[in-house]
Protein backbone atom coordinates (compact mmCIF):
# COMPACT_ATOMS: atom_id res chain seq x y z
CA UNK A 1 21.12 11.15 13.66
CA UNK A 2 22.77 11.37 10.02
CA UNK A 3 21.03 8.98 6.97
CA UNK A 4 22.27 9.02 3.89
CA UNK A 5 21.47 7.10 0.37
CA UNK A 6 18.27 5.54 2.36
CA UNK A 7 16.01 4.37 -0.63
CA UNK A 8 12.88 5.81 -0.63
CA UNK A 9 9.77 6.67 -2.35
CA UNK A 10 7.49 10.16 -1.87
CA UNK A 11 4.06 9.02 -0.63
CA UNK A 12 2.62 12.79 -0.10
CA UNK A 13 3.63 16.55 -0.22
CA UNK A 14 2.03 19.05 0.74
CA UNK A 15 3.34 23.53 1.56
CA UNK A 16 4.96 23.63 5.11
CA UNK A 17 5.55 27.25 5.73
CA UNK A 18 6.06 29.86 2.88
CA UNK A 19 8.91 27.91 0.53
CA UNK A 20 9.21 24.43 1.92
CA UNK A 21 7.09 21.19 1.84
CA UNK A 22 6.10 19.05 4.00
CA UNK A 23 7.02 15.02 2.39
CA UNK A 24 5.77 11.85 3.13
CA UNK A 25 8.26 9.02 2.23
CA UNK A 26 8.06 5.33 3.19
CA UNK A 27 12.21 4.43 2.79
CA UNK A 28 13.48 0.67 3.23
CA UNK A 29 15.12 1.11 6.57
CA UNK A 30 13.36 3.53 8.82
CA UNK A 31 9.68 3.09 7.63
CA UNK A 32 6.99 6.20 6.83
CA UNK A 33 9.50 9.34 7.07
CA UNK A 34 7.98 13.60 7.88
CA UNK A 35 10.62 14.62 5.80
CA UNK A 36 10.95 18.50 5.19
CA UNK A 37 12.67 20.00 2.78
CA UNK A 38 13.35 23.44 3.29
CA UNK A 39 13.07 26.30 0.57
CA UNK A 40 12.08 23.90 -2.54
CA UNK A 41 9.10 25.84 -3.12
CA UNK A 42 11.63 28.74 -4.34
CA UNK A 43 11.99 29.80 -7.97
CA UNK A 44 15.75 28.74 -7.65
CA UNK A 45 15.91 26.20 -4.98
CA UNK A 46 18.89 23.77 -5.32
CA UNK A 47 16.39 21.17 -4.45
CA UNK A 48 13.36 21.34 -7.26
CA UNK A 49 9.99 20.12 -6.77
CA UNK A 50 10.32 17.65 -9.66
CA UNK A 51 12.71 15.55 -7.95
CA UNK A 52 10.27 15.01 -5.33
CA UNK A 53 7.10 13.18 -7.11
CA UNK A 54 5.53 10.18 -6.38
CA UNK A 55 6.40 6.68 -7.56
CA UNK A 56 10.40 7.61 -8.75
CA UNK A 57 12.72 5.43 -6.85
CA UNK A 58 14.50 8.03 -4.71
CA UNK A 59 17.92 7.95 -2.60
CA UNK A 60 17.73 10.44 0.39
CA UNK A 61 20.34 12.04 2.53
CA UNK A 62 18.64 13.03 5.61
CA UNK A 63 19.24 14.57 9.02
CA UNK A 64 16.71 13.10 11.51
CA UNK A 65 15.82 14.71 15.02
CA UNK A 66 12.61 14.01 16.62
CA UNK A 67 9.64 12.65 14.76
CA UNK A 68 10.60 14.66 11.94
CA UNK A 69 13.43 14.35 9.34
CA UNK A 70 15.15 17.26 7.62
CA UNK A 71 16.12 16.44 3.75
CA UNK A 72 19.68 17.65 2.46
CA UNK A 73 19.88 15.89 -0.73
CA UNK A 74 17.24 13.75 -3.16
CA UNK A 75 18.86 11.44 -6.00
CA UNK A 76 16.67 9.83 -8.20
CA UNK A 77 17.12 6.51 -8.95
CA UNK A 78 16.28 4.17 -12.20
CA UNK A 79 13.55 5.22 -14.75
CA UNK A 80 11.06 7.48 -14.16
CA UNK A 81 7.86 5.00 -13.93
CA UNK A 82 4.33 6.96 -15.94
CA UNK A 83 1.87 5.88 -14.23
CA UNK A 84 -1.27 7.42 -15.95
CA UNK A 85 -5.14 7.06 -15.93
CA UNK A 86 -6.56 3.79 -13.67
CA UNK A 87 -2.74 2.98 -13.43
CA UNK A 88 -2.20 6.84 -11.89
CA UNK A 89 -5.10 6.33 -9.26
CA UNK A 90 -4.62 3.14 -8.03
CA UNK A 91 -1.36 4.32 -7.52
CA UNK A 92 -2.35 7.15 -5.29
CA UNK A 93 -4.46 4.54 -3.58
CA UNK A 94 -1.22 2.25 -2.77
CA UNK A 95 0.14 5.89 -1.21
CA UNK A 96 -2.92 6.42 0.64
CA UNK A 97 -3.19 2.83 1.81
CA UNK A 98 0.25 3.36 3.11
CA UNK A 99 0.42 5.96 4.90
CA UNK A 100 -3.20 5.55 6.67
CA UNK A 101 -2.07 2.31 7.78
CA UNK A 102 1.30 2.69 9.13
CA UNK A 103 3.34 5.04 11.82
CA UNK A 104 6.24 6.82 11.58
CA UNK A 105 9.91 5.25 11.44
CA UNK A 106 8.56 1.31 11.93
CA UNK A 107 10.70 -0.08 10.01
CA UNK A 108 9.48 -1.70 7.53
CA UNK A 109 11.75 -3.46 4.95
CA UNK A 110 9.20 -6.35 3.27
CA UNK A 111 6.36 -3.68 2.78
CA UNK A 112 9.00 -0.87 1.45
CA UNK A 113 9.41 -4.32 -1.36
CA UNK A 114 5.89 -5.30 -2.23
CA UNK A 115 5.01 -1.70 -2.58
CA UNK A 116 8.33 -1.29 -5.44
CA UNK A 117 7.55 -4.35 -6.61
CA UNK A 118 3.18 -3.02 -7.29
CA UNK A 119 4.59 0.15 -8.55
CA UNK A 120 6.92 -2.22 -11.38
CA UNK A 121 3.62 -4.32 -12.42
CA UNK A 122 1.13 -1.33 -12.54
CA UNK A 123 3.65 0.36 -14.94
CA UNK A 124 4.30 -3.13 -17.25
CA UNK A 125 0.57 -2.60 -17.09
CA UNK A 126 -0.53 -5.90 -15.05
CA UNK A 127 -4.02 -6.03 -14.74
CA UNK A 128 -5.06 -3.76 -11.77
CA UNK A 129 -7.03 -5.63 -8.86
CA UNK A 130 -5.32 -8.46 -9.08
CA UNK A 131 -2.14 -6.20 -9.00
CA UNK A 132 -3.78 -4.24 -6.03
CA UNK A 133 -5.09 -7.97 -4.21
CA UNK A 134 -1.79 -8.74 -4.09
CA UNK A 135 -0.49 -5.59 -2.68
CA UNK A 136 -3.43 -5.38 0.39
CA UNK A 137 -2.64 -8.77 0.95
CA UNK A 138 1.22 -8.53 1.05
CA UNK A 139 0.82 -5.76 3.38
CA UNK A 140 -1.33 -6.62 5.63
CA UNK A 141 1.10 -9.67 6.18
CA UNK A 142 4.33 -7.24 6.76
CA UNK A 143 2.38 -5.13 8.75
CA UNK A 144 1.77 -8.25 10.77
CA UNK A 145 -2.35 -8.57 10.19
CA UNK A 146 -1.69 -11.25 7.40
CA UNK A 147 -4.86 -13.10 6.17
CA UNK A 148 -5.95 -16.77 7.32
CA UNK A 149 -6.99 -17.93 4.08
CA UNK A 150 -7.35 -21.94 4.02
CA UNK A 151 -7.99 -22.95 7.05
CA UNK A 152 -12.05 -22.63 8.47
CA UNK A 153 -12.18 -20.64 11.57
CA UNK A 154 -14.40 -22.24 12.87
CA UNK A 155 -13.49 -26.13 12.73
CA UNK A 156 -9.77 -25.85 11.65
CA UNK A 157 -10.39 -27.86 8.87
CA UNK A 158 -8.88 -26.63 4.74
CA UNK A 159 -11.28 -24.22 3.59
CA UNK A 160 -13.71 -26.30 0.80
CA UNK A 161 -13.17 -24.90 -2.39
CA UNK A 162 -16.58 -25.67 -3.26
CA UNK A 163 -18.18 -23.88 -0.13
CA UNK A 164 -18.96 -20.46 -0.03
CA UNK A 165 -17.68 -18.45 3.41
CA UNK A 166 -18.08 -15.40 5.16
CA UNK A 167 -14.45 -13.26 6.35
CA UNK A 168 -14.77 -12.40 9.58
CA UNK A 169 -11.31 -9.56 9.43
CA UNK A 170 -10.65 -10.83 12.95
CA UNK A 171 -10.42 -15.09 12.74
CA UNK A 172 -10.69 -15.79 9.02
CA UNK A 173 -13.41 -17.22 6.85
CA UNK A 174 -16.87 -19.70 8.17
CA UNK A 175 -18.61 -20.86 6.33
CA UNK A 176 -21.62 -18.26 5.09
CA UNK A 177 -25.31 -18.60 4.35
CA UNK A 178 -27.01 -19.48 1.54
CA UNK A 179 -27.52 -16.67 -0.33
CA UNK A 180 -25.33 -14.45 1.18
CA UNK A 181 -24.30 -11.27 -0.94
CA UNK A 182 -21.59 -10.83 0.54
CA UNK A 183 -20.19 -14.18 -0.20
CA UNK A 184 -17.02 -15.27 -1.41
CA UNK A 185 -16.19 -18.59 -2.83
CA UNK A 186 -13.43 -21.17 -1.14
CA UNK A 187 -12.21 -22.24 -4.27
CA UNK A 188 -11.28 -18.46 -4.50
CA UNK A 189 -9.74 -17.82 -1.24
CA UNK A 190 -7.91 -20.83 -2.08
CA UNK A 191 -6.47 -18.96 -4.89
CA UNK A 192 -5.38 -15.98 -3.16
CA UNK A 193 -3.34 -17.57 -0.72
CA UNK A 194 -1.68 -19.46 -3.72
CA UNK A 195 -1.32 -16.14 -5.52
CA UNK A 196 -3.42 -17.03 -8.15
CA UNK A 197 -5.62 -14.43 -10.22
CA UNK A 198 -9.31 -16.07 -9.43
CA UNK A 199 -11.95 -15.45 -11.81
CA UNK A 200 -13.77 -11.50 -12.53
CA UNK A 201 -16.13 -12.51 -10.44
CA UNK A 202 -13.82 -13.89 -8.00
CA UNK A 203 -11.57 -11.09 -8.43
CA UNK A 204 -14.86 -8.66 -7.37
CA UNK A 205 -15.83 -10.90 -4.09
CA UNK A 206 -12.24 -10.00 -3.08
CA UNK A 207 -12.43 -6.61 -3.62
CA UNK A 208 -15.62 -6.33 -1.26
CA UNK A 209 -13.43 -9.16 1.21
CA UNK A 210 -9.97 -6.80 1.35
CA UNK A 211 -12.40 -3.46 1.63
CA UNK A 212 -13.86 -5.24 5.02
CA UNK A 213 -11.01 -5.99 6.33
CA UNK A 214 -8.76 -2.94 5.77
CA UNK A 215 -11.61 -1.38 7.17
CA UNK A 216 -11.79 -3.25 10.36
CA UNK A 217 -8.25 -2.19 10.85
CA UNK A 218 -8.52 1.30 9.99
CA UNK A 219 -10.90 1.40 12.97
CA UNK A 220 -14.27 1.61 10.55
CA UNK A 221 -12.98 4.18 8.60
CA UNK A 222 -12.47 4.73 4.70
CA UNK A 223 -10.30 5.33 2.13
CA UNK A 224 -11.04 8.71 -0.11
CA UNK A 225 -9.50 6.52 -3.18
CA UNK A 226 -12.33 3.98 -2.92
CA UNK A 227 -14.67 6.08 -4.11
CA UNK A 228 -13.10 6.09 -7.30
CA UNK A 229 -11.45 2.86 -7.74
CA UNK A 230 -14.26 0.24 -8.82
């Protein structure tokens, strides 16, 4: 199947055979695709490795056959996003998260939009902790794992902003025990649901909660980026 001018971002690339690369791409209409970029590691290759950098929006021409596609053309679209320092690490975290939680050739146009919007927010210098929490929340929703944030999982009552809760990845929030170190305030859950950034303590609680939820969806695993992101 020929695919032409498919909007895409490179998530990960590694050497493949002697002169090629195997590139994982997030595309708008085809989902995550494994792409063979033939000959790009040759010195005088028509397509250069620099055209396949992460965080640059591309339009790809592909020949899709089976699990992998062959790259025919790659054209940059728009300005190059320069994510450096902490923003660069956060961008690599986004890429690892997408690779680990998605399957190949599962169309997720909403995820593509969330990913592109998140890169723009990071490039604009928006606070990274809140930006990452928003992406994690929106990605899970796009995958069909939407978080329950405003209703008590035990009795279906609205979350009380003055109470503390324990978050169960399978069910949602339930009242926490006094002194529970991983408890999260109802106020912070409601802020998250309303897309309003909580304070620093709330963001720290949301980070712990989201790592627990993501680990659950990874089957108990963890991400390499967690070792360096704080």
